[in-house]
Amino acid sequence: MMTTPRFLQGAFELEGQGLDKPSLLHPTLTYTVPEGVTGQVLYVRGGNATDELATLVLVIDGAPSRWLPIGAKGDMHVSLRVIEDLLSGSTVELHAAAPEGCRGTLVVDCGLVEV
């Protein structure tokens, strides 16, 4: 079985609008599964350079799937190999939320695979 890895990653500026108001962190943090294959999210890692709690939200086809909190000046690594397969045409996005007025940088790395 041939697989192709895909990554959503980078360092991105965050401006908090409230922990209950996640939004797309950056347009490059979007992935759509190509026709004829399925996809799987393998892991999500993140680092938070702000002084406040931030949350990465894995959004699949427009619906929040996983909320992943990252403590102030902290990091996290979550293995997600057991979540469901992503069918052709499914879209994955990384959204972020932080307290209103919080500004800083999040570093994210999301590993996916096409099967």
C-alpha atoms as a PDB file:
ATOM      1  CA  MET A   1       0.000   0.000   0.000  1.00  0.00           C
ATOM      2  CA  MET A   2       1.486   3.337  -1.089  1.00  0.00           C
ATOM      3  CA  THR A   3       1.052   6.310   1.243  1.00  0.00           C
ATOM      4  CA  THR A   4       1.866   9.975   0.805  1.00  0.00           C
ATOM      5  CA  PRO A   5       2.609  12.182   3.809  1.00  0.00           C
ATOM      6  CA  ARG A   6       1.190  15.702   4.011  1.00  0.00           C
ATOM      7  CA  PHE A   7       1.953  18.393   6.587  1.00  0.00           C
ATOM      8  CA  LEU A   8       0.265  21.545   7.823  1.00  0.00           C
ATOM      9  CA  GLN A   9       2.986  23.424   9.666  1.00  0.00           C
ATOM     10  CA  GLY A  10       4.657  26.714  10.470  1.00  0.00           C
ATOM     11  CA  ALA A  11       4.844  29.582  12.944  1.00  0.00           C
ATOM     12  CA  PHE A  12       1.822  31.894  12.884  1.00  0.00           C
ATOM     13  CA  GLU A  13       0.752  35.094  14.606  1.00  0.00           C
ATOM     14  CA  LEU A  14      -2.246  34.696  16.885  1.00  0.00           C
ATOM     15  CA  GLU A  15      -4.644  37.427  17.954  1.00  0.00           C
ATOM     16  CA  GLY A  16      -7.169  36.118  20.464  1.00  0.00           C
ATOM     17  CA  GLN A  17     -10.871  36.862  20.079  1.00  0.00           C
ATOM     18  CA  GLY A  18     -11.936  34.651  23.007  1.00  0.00           C
ATOM     19  CA  LEU A  19     -11.469  30.976  23.855  1.00  0.00           C
ATOM     20  CA  ASP A  20     -14.988  30.298  22.566  1.00  0.00           C
ATOM     21  CA  LYS A  21     -14.280  31.915  19.165  1.00  0.00           C
ATOM     22  CA  PRO A  22     -11.779  29.799  17.218  1.00  0.00           C
ATOM     23  CA  SER A  23     -10.904  30.892  13.705  1.00  0.00           C
ATOM     24  CA  LEU A  24      -8.640  29.667  10.918  1.00  0.00           C
ATOM     25  CA  LEU A  25      -5.107  30.391  12.106  1.00  0.00           C
ATOM     26  CA  HIS A  26      -3.734  30.849   8.567  1.00  0.00           C
ATOM     27  CA  PRO A  27      -4.994  29.947   5.058  1.00  0.00           C
ATOM     28  CA  THR A  28      -2.084  27.527   4.540  1.00  0.00           C
ATOM     29  CA  LEU A  29      -3.417  25.366   7.385  1.00  0.00           C
ATOM     30  CA  THR A  30      -6.097  23.820   5.169  1.00  0.00           C
ATOM     31  CA  TYR A  31      -5.926  20.429   3.449  1.00  0.00           C
ATOM     32  CA  THR A  32      -8.465  18.707   1.178  1.00  0.00           C
ATOM     33  CA  VAL A  33      -8.211  14.959   0.563  1.00  0.00           C
ATOM     34  CA  PRO A  34      -7.778  14.392  -3.199  1.00  0.00           C
ATOM     35  CA  GLU A  35     -10.282  12.365  -5.190  1.00  0.00           C
ATOM     36  CA  GLY A  36      -9.621   8.626  -5.225  1.00  0.00           C
ATOM     37  CA  VAL A  37      -7.777   8.402  -1.894  1.00  0.00           C
ATOM     38  CA  THR A  38      -8.571   8.512   1.812  1.00  0.00           C
ATOM     39  CA  GLY A  39      -6.647  10.446   4.397  1.00  0.00           C
ATOM     40  CA  GLN A  40      -5.807  10.121   8.070  1.00  0.00           C
ATOM     41  CA  VAL A  41      -4.616  12.658  10.612  1.00  0.00           C
ATOM     42  CA  LEU A  42      -1.662  11.059  12.405  1.00  0.00           C
ATOM     43  CA  TYR A  43      -0.673  13.710  14.947  1.00  0.00           C
ATOM     44  CA  VAL A  44      -0.896  17.358  15.932  1.00  0.00           C
ATOM     45  CA  ARG A  45       1.905  19.204  17.750  1.00  0.00           C
ATOM     46  CA  GLY A  46       1.903  22.774  18.869  1.00  0.00           C
ATOM     47  CA  GLY A  47       3.872  25.349  20.801  1.00  0.00           C
ATOM     48  CA  ASN A  48       2.463  28.488  22.382  1.00  0.00           C
ATOM     49  CA  ALA A  49       4.755  31.510  22.824  1.00  0.00           C
ATOM     50  CA  THR A  50       2.038  33.654  24.458  1.00  0.00           C
ATOM     51  CA  ASP A  51       1.442  34.252  28.159  1.00  0.00           C
ATOM     52  CA  GLU A  52      -2.093  32.821  27.912  1.00  0.00           C
ATOM     53  CA  LEU A  53      -3.731  29.456  27.294  1.00  0.00           C
ATOM     54  CA  ALA A  54      -4.363  28.917  23.567  1.00  0.00           C
ATOM     55  CA  THR A  55      -6.318  26.160  21.877  1.00  0.00           C
ATOM     56  CA  LEU A  56      -5.796  24.510  18.500  1.00  0.00           C
ATOM     57  CA  VAL A  57      -9.015  23.182  17.031  1.00  0.00           C
ATOM     58  CA  LEU A  58      -8.936  20.435  14.400  1.00  0.00           C
ATOM     59  CA  VAL A  59     -11.882  21.186  12.120  1.00  0.00           C
ATOM     60  CA  ILE A  60     -13.086  18.503   9.694  1.00  0.00           C
ATOM     61  CA  ASP A  61     -15.595  19.484   7.004  1.00  0.00           C
ATOM     62  CA  GLY A  62     -16.520  22.633   8.903  1.00  0.00           C
ATOM     63  CA  ALA A  63     -17.184  20.954  12.263  1.00  0.00           C
ATOM     64  CA  PRO A  64     -14.808  21.041  15.263  1.00  0.00           C
ATOM     65  CA  SER A  65     -13.423  17.533  15.757  1.00  0.00           C
ATOM     66  CA  ARG A  66     -10.750  17.913  18.468  1.00  0.00           C
ATOM     67  CA  TRP A  67      -9.931  20.764  20.865  1.00  0.00           C
ATOM     68  CA  LEU A  68      -6.242  20.706  21.820  1.00  0.00           C
ATOM     69  CA  PRO A  69      -5.249  23.155  24.597  1.00  0.00           C
ATOM     70  CA  ILE A  70      -1.687  24.492  24.754  1.00  0.00           C
ATOM     71  CA  GLY A  71      -0.673  26.117  28.034  1.00  0.00           C
ATOM     72  CA  ALA A  72       0.998  29.515  28.267  1.00  0.00           C
ATOM     73  CA  LYS A  73       4.568  29.251  26.972  1.00  0.00           C
ATOM     74  CA  GLY A  74       3.934  25.521  26.656  1.00  0.00           C
ATOM     75  CA  ASP A  75       3.570  22.776  24.088  1.00  0.00           C
ATOM     76  CA  MET A  76       1.576  19.640  23.311  1.00  0.00           C
ATOM     77  CA  HIS A  77       1.774  16.551  21.109  1.00  0.00           C
ATOM     78  CA  VAL A  78      -1.312  14.442  20.455  1.00  0.00           C
ATOM     79  CA  SER A  79      -1.331  11.197  18.495  1.00  0.00           C
ATOM     80  CA  LEU A  80      -4.585  10.932  16.501  1.00  0.00           C
ATOM     81  CA  ARG A  81      -4.106   7.708  14.549  1.00  0.00           C
ATOM     82  CA  VAL A  82      -7.354   6.263  15.843  1.00  0.00           C
ATOM     83  CA  ILE A  83      -9.718   8.907  14.470  1.00  0.00           C
ATOM     84  CA  GLU A  84     -11.853   8.046  11.499  1.00  0.00           C
ATOM     85  CA  ASP A  85     -10.679   7.961   7.900  1.00  0.00           C
ATOM     86  CA  LEU A  86     -11.101  11.150   5.907  1.00  0.00           C
ATOM     87  CA  LEU A  87     -12.955  10.433   2.678  1.00  0.00           C
ATOM     88  CA  SER A  88     -12.096  11.969  -0.701  1.00  0.00           C
ATOM     89  CA  GLY A  89     -13.092  15.615  -0.706  1.00  0.00           C
ATOM     90  CA  SER A  90     -12.938  16.004   3.083  1.00  0.00           C
ATOM     91  CA  THR A  91     -11.324  19.210   4.294  1.00  0.00           C
ATOM     92  CA  VAL A  92      -9.146  19.571   7.400  1.00  0.00           C
ATOM     93  CA  GLU A  93      -8.368  22.977   8.908  1.00  0.00           C
ATOM     94  CA  LEU A  94      -6.424  24.115  11.969  1.00  0.00           C
ATOM     95  CA  HIS A  95      -8.218  26.850  13.863  1.00  0.00           C
ATOM     96  CA  ALA A  96      -6.977  28.584  17.004  1.00  0.00           C
ATOM     97  CA  ALA A  97      -8.513  30.404  19.935  1.00  0.00           C
ATOM     98  CA  ALA A  98      -7.071  32.472  22.762  1.00  0.00           C
ATOM     99  CA  PRO A  99      -8.422  34.961  25.315  1.00  0.00           C
ATOM    100  CA  GLU A 100      -9.504  38.295  23.880  1.00  0.00           C
ATOM    101  CA  GLY A 101      -6.548  40.625  23.423  1.00  0.00           C
ATOM    102  CA  CYS A 102      -3.931  37.857  23.594  1.00  0.00           C
ATOM    103  CA  ARG A 103      -1.231  38.301  20.951  1.00  0.00           C
ATOM    104  CA  GLY A 104       1.723  36.138  20.116  1.00  0.00           C
ATOM    105  CA  THR A 105       2.931  33.206  18.087  1.00  0.00           C
ATOM    106  CA  LEU A 106       1.761  29.602  17.768  1.00  0.00           C
ATOM    107  CA  VAL A 107       3.971  26.979  16.149  1.00  0.00           C
ATOM    108  CA  VAL A 108       1.967  24.087  14.685  1.00  0.00           C
ATOM    109  CA  ASP A 109       2.765  20.795  12.982  1.00  0.00           C
ATOM    110  CA  CYS A 110      -0.013  18.498  11.806  1.00  0.00           C
ATOM    111  CA  GLY A 111       0.949  15.265  10.046  1.00  0.00           C
ATOM    112  CA  LEU A 112      -1.493  13.572   7.682  1.00  0.00           C
ATOM    113  CA  VAL A 113      -1.207  10.676   5.284  1.00  0.00           C
ATOM    114  CA  GLU A 114      -2.994   9.869   2.010  1.00  0.00           C
ATOM    115  CA  VAL A 115      -3.751   6.177   1.551  1.00  0.00           C
END
